[in-house]
Amino acid sequence: MKNGFTISTDKNKLDVSAIHDYLSNRSYWGQGRTIEAVRKSIDNSLCFGVYDKEDHFAGFARVITDYTVFAYLLDLFILECHRKRGLGKCLVDYIVNIEALKNLRWRLDTKDAHGLYRKFGFREPAFPEKIMEKSRTKV
């Protein structure tokens, strides 16, 4: 990656407590998410952990995909103490360029990082009137 940071898809390395704390307490999208929901979402997703040169947890993202047509990028964050080093950009670049995920149709939701994701080819939907969603209660 850069500056001695690495990315791993080994779920055994993930710091689930830190992921839960960030999503549940500090993110705008995961407020109140339970530890059980975090564990289940990790179990059912392709996950990416970011680690410093001492192998301490620094960031996270997950992808839901069928590896053929569609991929959905979720829960991407870099811990506050590791920000301003370009790690988020490196993580997105790494994820969207993995051979198994190339040439898929991607989706993500963001309130405030449009500029970051545009650098990797993400755009607002060309036909938002064709997109539907069904909301559910928080987990």
N, C-alpha and C. Protein backbone atom coordinates (compact mmCIF):
# COMPACT_ATOMS: atom_id res chain seq x y z
N MET A 1 0.85 -1.17 0.00
CA MET A 1 0.00 0.00 0.00
C MET A 1 0.89 1.24 0.00
N LYS A 2 1.09 1.89 1.10
CA LYS A 2 2.01 3.02 1.19
C LYS A 2 2.37 3.25 2.65
N ASN A 3 3.55 3.84 2.87
CA ASN A 3 4.03 4.16 4.22
C ASN A 3 4.00 2.97 5.17
N GLY A 4 4.23 1.78 4.64
CA GLY A 4 4.26 0.58 5.48
C GLY A 4 2.90 0.01 5.81
N PHE A 5 1.84 0.59 5.30
CA PHE A 5 0.50 0.06 5.53
C PHE A 5 0.21 -1.07 4.55
N THR A 6 -0.59 -2.03 4.99
CA THR A 6 -0.97 -3.16 4.14
C THR A 6 -2.48 -3.35 4.18
N ILE A 7 -2.97 -4.08 3.18
CA ILE A 7 -4.39 -4.44 3.11
C ILE A 7 -4.47 -5.95 3.12
N SER A 8 -5.43 -6.47 3.87
CA SER A 8 -5.62 -7.92 3.95
C SER A 8 -7.10 -8.24 3.87
N THR A 9 -7.42 -9.38 3.25
CA THR A 9 -8.79 -9.88 3.24
C THR A 9 -8.99 -11.00 4.25
N ASP A 10 -8.01 -11.21 5.12
CA ASP A 10 -8.09 -12.23 6.16
C ASP A 10 -9.02 -11.75 7.27
N LYS A 11 -10.19 -12.33 7.35
CA LYS A 11 -11.18 -11.90 8.35
C LYS A 11 -10.71 -12.17 9.78
N ASN A 12 -9.82 -13.13 9.96
CA ASN A 12 -9.31 -13.42 11.30
C ASN A 12 -8.47 -12.29 11.87
N LYS A 13 -7.93 -11.44 11.01
CA LYS A 13 -7.12 -10.31 11.46
C LYS A 13 -7.96 -9.11 11.87
N LEU A 14 -9.21 -9.05 11.43
CA LEU A 14 -10.04 -7.87 11.68
C LEU A 14 -10.25 -7.62 13.17
N ASP A 15 -10.21 -6.37 13.56
CA ASP A 15 -10.51 -5.96 14.93
C ASP A 15 -12.00 -5.63 14.98
N VAL A 16 -12.81 -6.65 15.23
CA VAL A 16 -14.27 -6.50 15.18
C VAL A 16 -14.76 -5.48 16.20
N SER A 17 -14.13 -5.42 17.37
CA SER A 17 -14.53 -4.43 18.38
C SER A 17 -14.30 -3.00 17.88
N ALA A 18 -13.17 -2.77 17.23
CA ALA A 18 -12.88 -1.43 16.69
C ALA A 18 -13.83 -1.10 15.54
N ILE A 19 -14.13 -2.08 14.71
CA ILE A 19 -15.07 -1.87 13.61
C ILE A 19 -16.44 -1.52 14.16
N HIS A 20 -16.89 -2.29 15.14
CA HIS A 20 -18.19 -2.02 15.76
C HIS A 20 -18.21 -0.64 16.39
N ASP A 21 -17.16 -0.30 17.13
CA ASP A 21 -17.11 1.01 17.79
C ASP A 21 -17.20 2.13 16.76
N TYR A 22 -16.44 2.02 15.69
CA TYR A 22 -16.47 3.08 14.69
C TYR A 22 -17.85 3.18 14.04
N LEU A 23 -18.35 2.06 13.55
CA LEU A 23 -19.64 2.09 12.84
C LEU A 23 -20.77 2.54 13.76
N SER A 24 -20.83 2.00 14.95
CA SER A 24 -21.94 2.25 15.85
C SER A 24 -21.90 3.62 16.52
N ASN A 25 -20.69 4.12 16.76
CA ASN A 25 -20.57 5.35 17.54
C ASN A 25 -20.06 6.57 16.79
N ARG A 26 -19.32 6.36 15.69
CA ARG A 26 -18.68 7.50 15.03
C ARG A 26 -19.08 7.71 13.58
N SER A 27 -19.65 6.69 12.94
CA SER A 27 -20.08 6.89 11.55
C SER A 27 -21.48 7.48 11.54
N TYR A 28 -21.83 8.15 10.45
CA TYR A 28 -23.20 8.67 10.33
C TYR A 28 -24.14 7.60 9.83
N TRP A 29 -23.61 6.55 9.20
CA TRP A 29 -24.46 5.54 8.56
C TRP A 29 -24.73 4.31 9.42
N GLY A 30 -23.94 4.08 10.43
CA GLY A 30 -24.10 2.85 11.20
C GLY A 30 -24.45 3.07 12.66
N GLN A 31 -24.95 4.25 12.99
CA GLN A 31 -25.26 4.58 14.39
C GLN A 31 -26.14 3.51 15.03
N GLY A 32 -25.68 2.99 16.15
CA GLY A 32 -26.47 2.02 16.90
C GLY A 32 -26.38 0.59 16.39
N ARG A 33 -25.59 0.33 15.37
CA ARG A 33 -25.47 -1.04 14.85
C ARG A 33 -24.92 -1.94 15.95
N THR A 34 -25.52 -3.08 16.13
CA THR A 34 -25.10 -3.99 17.20
C THR A 34 -23.85 -4.76 16.80
N ILE A 35 -23.14 -5.26 17.79
CA ILE A 35 -21.96 -6.09 17.53
C ILE A 35 -22.36 -7.35 16.76
N GLU A 36 -23.52 -7.88 17.05
CA GLU A 36 -24.00 -9.07 16.33
C GLU A 36 -24.21 -8.75 14.85
N ALA A 37 -24.77 -7.59 14.56
CA ALA A 37 -24.99 -7.19 13.16
C ALA A 37 -23.65 -6.98 12.46
N VAL A 38 -22.68 -6.40 13.15
CA VAL A 38 -21.36 -6.20 12.56
C VAL A 38 -20.72 -7.55 12.25
N ARG A 39 -20.77 -8.46 13.19
CA ARG A 39 -20.20 -9.80 12.95
C ARG A 39 -20.88 -10.50 11.77
N LYS A 40 -22.19 -10.44 11.70
CA LYS A 40 -22.93 -11.10 10.62
C LYS A 40 -22.60 -10.46 9.28
N SER A 41 -22.49 -9.13 9.25
CA SER A 41 -22.16 -8.45 7.99
C SER A 41 -20.75 -8.82 7.53
N ILE A 42 -19.83 -8.97 8.45
CA ILE A 42 -18.46 -9.40 8.11
C ILE A 42 -18.49 -10.83 7.58
N ASP A 43 -19.21 -11.69 8.26
CA ASP A 43 -19.29 -13.10 7.83
C ASP A 43 -19.82 -13.24 6.41
N ASN A 44 -20.69 -12.34 5.99
CA ASN A 44 -21.36 -12.46 4.71
C ASN A 44 -20.87 -11.48 3.64
N SER A 45 -19.67 -10.96 3.82
CA SER A 45 -19.10 -9.99 2.88
C SER A 45 -17.64 -10.30 2.61
N LEU A 46 -17.14 -9.75 1.52
CA LEU A 46 -15.71 -9.73 1.25
C LEU A 46 -15.16 -8.52 2.00
N CYS A 47 -14.27 -8.75 2.94
CA CYS A 47 -13.81 -7.68 3.84
C CYS A 47 -12.35 -7.34 3.60
N PHE A 48 -12.04 -6.08 3.85
CA PHE A 48 -10.69 -5.56 3.67
C PHE A 48 -10.28 -4.83 4.94
N GLY A 49 -9.19 -5.26 5.55
CA GLY A 49 -8.64 -4.57 6.69
C GLY A 49 -7.38 -3.84 6.28
N VAL A 50 -7.17 -2.67 6.84
CA VAL A 50 -5.94 -1.89 6.63
C VAL A 50 -5.15 -1.96 7.92
N TYR A 51 -3.82 -2.18 7.79
CA TYR A 51 -2.96 -2.37 8.96
C TYR A 51 -1.68 -1.56 8.81
N ASP A 52 -1.20 -1.02 9.94
CA ASP A 52 0.05 -0.27 9.91
C ASP A 52 1.24 -1.24 9.93
N LYS A 53 2.44 -0.71 9.93
CA LYS A 53 3.62 -1.56 9.84
C LYS A 53 3.81 -2.47 11.04
N GLU A 54 3.17 -2.16 12.16
CA GLU A 54 3.18 -3.06 13.33
C GLU A 54 1.98 -3.99 13.31
N ASP A 55 1.23 -3.99 12.23
CA ASP A 55 0.06 -4.83 12.03
C ASP A 55 -1.13 -4.45 12.92
N HIS A 56 -1.17 -3.18 13.34
CA HIS A 56 -2.32 -2.66 14.09
C HIS A 56 -3.40 -2.24 13.11
N PHE A 57 -4.64 -2.50 13.47
CA PHE A 57 -5.79 -2.17 12.64
C PHE A 57 -5.89 -0.68 12.41
N ALA A 58 -6.11 -0.26 11.15
CA ALA A 58 -6.19 1.16 10.81
C ALA A 58 -7.42 1.53 10.00
N GLY A 59 -8.07 0.54 9.36
CA GLY A 59 -9.23 0.87 8.53
C GLY A 59 -9.93 -0.37 8.03
N PHE A 60 -11.06 -0.15 7.37
CA PHE A 60 -11.93 -1.26 7.01
C PHE A 60 -12.81 -0.88 5.82
N ALA A 61 -13.20 -1.88 5.07
CA ALA A 61 -14.25 -1.76 4.06
C ALA A 61 -14.78 -3.15 3.79
N ARG A 62 -15.98 -3.21 3.25
CA ARG A 62 -16.51 -4.51 2.85
C ARG A 62 -17.27 -4.36 1.54
N VAL A 63 -17.35 -5.47 0.83
CA VAL A 63 -18.02 -5.51 -0.47
C VAL A 63 -18.98 -6.68 -0.47
N ILE A 64 -20.19 -6.42 -0.93
CA ILE A 64 -21.15 -7.49 -1.19
C ILE A 64 -21.17 -7.67 -2.70
N THR A 65 -20.95 -8.89 -3.17
CA THR A 65 -20.84 -9.10 -4.61
C THR A 65 -21.22 -10.52 -5.01
N ASP A 66 -21.57 -10.65 -6.30
CA ASP A 66 -21.76 -11.97 -6.89
C ASP A 66 -20.55 -12.33 -7.76
N TYR A 67 -19.54 -11.45 -7.80
CA TYR A 67 -18.30 -11.63 -8.57
C TYR A 67 -18.53 -11.75 -10.07
N THR A 68 -19.72 -11.44 -10.56
CA THR A 68 -20.04 -11.58 -11.97
C THR A 68 -20.64 -10.32 -12.56
N VAL A 69 -21.61 -9.74 -11.85
CA VAL A 69 -22.36 -8.61 -12.38
C VAL A 69 -22.27 -7.37 -11.48
N PHE A 70 -22.32 -7.55 -10.18
CA PHE A 70 -22.58 -6.44 -9.28
C PHE A 70 -21.71 -6.49 -8.03
N ALA A 71 -21.32 -5.30 -7.56
CA ALA A 71 -20.59 -5.17 -6.30
C ALA A 71 -21.08 -3.92 -5.58
N TYR A 72 -21.24 -4.03 -4.28
CA TYR A 72 -21.72 -2.93 -3.45
C TYR A 72 -20.66 -2.67 -2.38
N LEU A 73 -20.10 -1.46 -2.39
CA LEU A 73 -19.07 -1.06 -1.44
C LEU A 73 -19.72 -0.43 -0.22
N LEU A 74 -19.36 -0.93 0.96
CA LEU A 74 -19.99 -0.46 2.20
C LEU A 74 -18.98 -0.28 3.33
N ASP A 75 -19.37 0.49 4.31
CA ASP A 75 -18.68 0.60 5.60
C ASP A 75 -17.20 0.94 5.50
N LEU A 76 -16.82 1.71 4.51
CA LEU A 76 -15.41 2.06 4.34
C LEU A 76 -15.05 3.19 5.29
N PHE A 77 -13.98 2.99 6.06
CA PHE A 77 -13.47 4.04 6.94
C PHE A 77 -12.01 3.80 7.26
N ILE A 78 -11.34 4.88 7.58
CA ILE A 78 -9.98 4.86 8.12
C ILE A 78 -10.08 5.50 9.51
N LEU A 79 -9.51 4.85 10.50
CA LEU A 79 -9.54 5.41 11.85
C LEU A 79 -8.94 6.81 11.86
N GLU A 80 -9.47 7.66 12.70
CA GLU A 80 -9.09 9.07 12.75
C GLU A 80 -7.58 9.27 12.86
N CYS A 81 -6.91 8.48 13.68
CA CYS A 81 -5.47 8.66 13.91
C CYS A 81 -4.62 8.31 12.69
N HIS A 82 -5.21 7.71 11.67
CA HIS A 82 -4.47 7.33 10.47
C HIS A 82 -4.91 8.12 9.23
N ARG A 83 -5.75 9.11 9.40
CA ARG A 83 -6.25 9.88 8.26
C ARG A 83 -5.22 10.88 7.76
N LYS A 84 -5.51 11.47 6.61
CA LYS A 84 -4.66 12.48 5.96
C LYS A 84 -3.36 11.87 5.44
N ARG A 85 -3.38 10.58 5.12
CA ARG A 85 -2.21 9.90 4.56
C ARG A 85 -2.53 9.25 3.22
N GLY A 86 -3.76 9.45 2.73
CA GLY A 86 -4.15 8.86 1.46
C GLY A 86 -4.56 7.41 1.55
N LEU A 87 -4.78 6.91 2.77
CA LEU A 87 -5.11 5.50 2.95
C LEU A 87 -6.49 5.15 2.39
N GLY A 88 -7.44 6.05 2.54
CA GLY A 88 -8.78 5.81 1.99
C GLY A 88 -8.73 5.68 0.47
N LYS A 89 -7.98 6.56 -0.17
CA LYS A 89 -7.81 6.48 -1.62
C LYS A 89 -7.15 5.17 -2.02
N CYS A 90 -6.11 4.80 -1.30
CA CYS A 90 -5.41 3.53 -1.61
C CYS A 90 -6.35 2.34 -1.44
N LEU A 91 -7.17 2.38 -0.41
CA LEU A 91 -8.09 1.28 -0.15
C LEU A 91 -9.13 1.16 -1.27
N VAL A 92 -9.73 2.27 -1.67
CA VAL A 92 -10.72 2.23 -2.75
C VAL A 92 -10.05 1.74 -4.04
N ASP A 93 -8.88 2.27 -4.36
CA ASP A 93 -8.16 1.86 -5.56
C ASP A 93 -7.88 0.36 -5.55
N TYR A 94 -7.43 -0.13 -4.42
CA TYR A 94 -7.15 -1.55 -4.28
C TYR A 94 -8.40 -2.40 -4.53
N ILE A 95 -9.49 -2.02 -3.89
CA ILE A 95 -10.73 -2.79 -3.98
C ILE A 95 -11.27 -2.82 -5.41
N VAL A 96 -11.39 -1.67 -6.05
CA VAL A 96 -12.03 -1.65 -7.37
C VAL A 96 -11.14 -2.23 -8.46
N ASN A 97 -9.86 -2.45 -8.16
CA ASN A 97 -8.95 -3.00 -9.16
C ASN A 97 -8.56 -4.45 -8.92
N ILE A 98 -9.14 -5.09 -7.93
CA ILE A 98 -8.90 -6.52 -7.75
C ILE A 98 -9.44 -7.25 -8.98
N GLU A 99 -8.68 -8.17 -9.48
CA GLU A 99 -9.07 -8.87 -10.71
C GLU A 99 -10.48 -9.45 -10.61
N ALA A 100 -10.81 -10.05 -9.48
CA ALA A 100 -12.12 -10.69 -9.31
C ALA A 100 -13.27 -9.69 -9.30
N LEU A 101 -12.97 -8.41 -9.10
CA LEU A 101 -14.02 -7.40 -9.00
C LEU A 101 -14.01 -6.40 -10.16
N LYS A 102 -13.07 -6.54 -11.06
CA LYS A 102 -13.00 -5.63 -12.21
C LYS A 102 -14.21 -5.84 -13.11
N ASN A 103 -14.57 -4.79 -13.80
CA ASN A 103 -15.64 -4.83 -14.81
C ASN A 103 -17.01 -5.19 -14.26
N LEU A 104 -17.23 -4.96 -13.00
CA LEU A 104 -18.55 -5.15 -12.41
C LEU A 104 -19.27 -3.81 -12.37
N ARG A 105 -20.57 -3.85 -12.21
CA ARG A 105 -21.34 -2.63 -11.94
C ARG A 105 -21.26 -2.42 -10.43
N TRP A 106 -20.81 -1.25 -10.03
CA TRP A 106 -20.61 -0.93 -8.62
C TRP A 106 -21.70 0.00 -8.11
N ARG A 107 -21.92 -0.07 -6.81
CA ARG A 107 -22.81 0.87 -6.14
C ARG A 107 -22.22 1.17 -4.78
N LEU A 108 -22.46 2.36 -4.31
CA LEU A 108 -22.14 2.74 -2.94
C LEU A 108 -23.06 3.88 -2.56
N ASP A 109 -23.17 4.12 -1.29
CA ASP A 109 -23.93 5.25 -0.78
C ASP A 109 -22.97 6.11 0.02
N THR A 110 -23.04 7.43 -0.17
CA THR A 110 -22.21 8.34 0.60
C THR A 110 -22.93 9.67 0.77
N LYS A 111 -22.70 10.28 1.90
CA LYS A 111 -23.28 11.60 2.16
C LYS A 111 -22.25 12.69 1.88
N ASP A 112 -20.96 12.38 2.03
CA ASP A 112 -19.97 13.45 2.00
C ASP A 112 -18.66 13.12 1.29
N ALA A 113 -18.55 11.99 0.62
CA ALA A 113 -17.27 11.63 -0.01
C ALA A 113 -17.39 11.47 -1.52
N HIS A 114 -18.28 12.22 -2.13
CA HIS A 114 -18.47 12.12 -3.58
C HIS A 114 -17.17 12.39 -4.34
N GLY A 115 -16.42 13.39 -3.91
CA GLY A 115 -15.16 13.73 -4.58
C GLY A 115 -14.17 12.59 -4.57
N LEU A 116 -14.06 11.90 -3.47
CA LEU A 116 -13.17 10.75 -3.38
C LEU A 116 -13.58 9.68 -4.37
N TYR A 117 -14.83 9.30 -4.36
CA TYR A 117 -15.28 8.19 -5.19
C TYR A 117 -15.31 8.53 -6.68
N ARG A 118 -15.51 9.80 -7.02
CA ARG A 118 -15.47 10.19 -8.43
C ARG A 118 -14.10 9.89 -9.05
N LYS A 119 -13.05 9.98 -8.25
CA LYS A 119 -11.70 9.71 -8.74
C LYS A 119 -11.54 8.27 -9.21
N PHE A 120 -12.46 7.41 -8.80
CA PHE A 120 -12.39 5.99 -9.15
C PHE A 120 -13.53 5.57 -10.08
N GLY A 121 -14.15 6.56 -10.72
CA GLY A 121 -15.15 6.28 -11.74
C GLY A 121 -16.58 6.22 -11.25
N PHE A 122 -16.82 6.41 -9.96
CA PHE A 122 -18.19 6.42 -9.46
C PHE A 122 -18.87 7.72 -9.88
N ARG A 123 -20.14 7.64 -10.22
CA ARG A 123 -20.93 8.78 -10.63
C ARG A 123 -22.33 8.67 -10.02
N GLU A 124 -23.03 9.81 -9.98
CA GLU A 124 -24.43 9.77 -9.59
C GLU A 124 -25.16 8.94 -10.65
N PRO A 125 -26.24 8.28 -10.27
CA PRO A 125 -26.96 7.45 -11.24
C PRO A 125 -27.43 8.27 -12.43
N ALA A 126 -27.24 7.72 -13.63
CA ALA A 126 -27.69 8.40 -14.84
C ALA A 126 -29.21 8.48 -14.88
N PHE A 127 -29.85 7.47 -14.33
CA PHE A 127 -31.31 7.40 -14.34
C PHE A 127 -31.82 7.10 -12.93
N PRO A 128 -31.76 8.09 -12.02
CA PRO A 128 -32.19 7.81 -10.64
C PRO A 128 -33.65 7.38 -10.55
N GLU A 129 -34.43 7.75 -11.55
CA GLU A 129 -35.84 7.34 -11.54
C GLU A 129 -36.00 5.83 -11.73
N LYS A 130 -34.94 5.15 -12.12
CA LYS A 130 -35.00 3.69 -12.28
C LYS A 130 -34.51 2.94 -11.06
N ILE A 131 -33.98 3.67 -10.10
CA ILE A 131 -33.45 3.03 -8.89
C ILE A 131 -34.50 3.06 -7.80
N MET A 132 -34.72 1.92 -7.21
CA MET A 132 -35.66 1.83 -6.09
C MET A 132 -34.94 1.18 -4.92
N GLU A 133 -35.45 1.42 -3.75
CA GLU A 133 -34.92 0.77 -2.57
C GLU A 133 -36.03 0.53 -1.57
N LYS A 134 -35.81 -0.42 -0.70
CA LYS A 134 -36.73 -0.70 0.37
C LYS A 134 -35.97 -0.52 1.66
N SER A 135 -36.40 0.42 2.46
CA SER A 135 -35.74 0.68 3.74
C SER A 135 -36.20 -0.32 4.79
N ARG A 136 -35.38 -0.47 5.79
CA ARG A 136 -35.72 -1.36 6.90
C ARG A 136 -35.29 -0.71 8.20
N THR A 137 -35.62 -1.34 9.28
CA THR A 137 -35.23 -0.80 10.56
C THR A 137 -33.75 -1.00 10.75
N LYS A 138 -33.15 -0.19 11.60
CA LYS A 138 -31.72 -0.28 11.89
C LYS A 138 -31.39 -1.58 12.59
N VAL A 139 -30.15 -2.03 12.35
CA VAL A 139 -29.60 -3.20 13.08
C VAL A 139 -28.43 -2.76 13.88
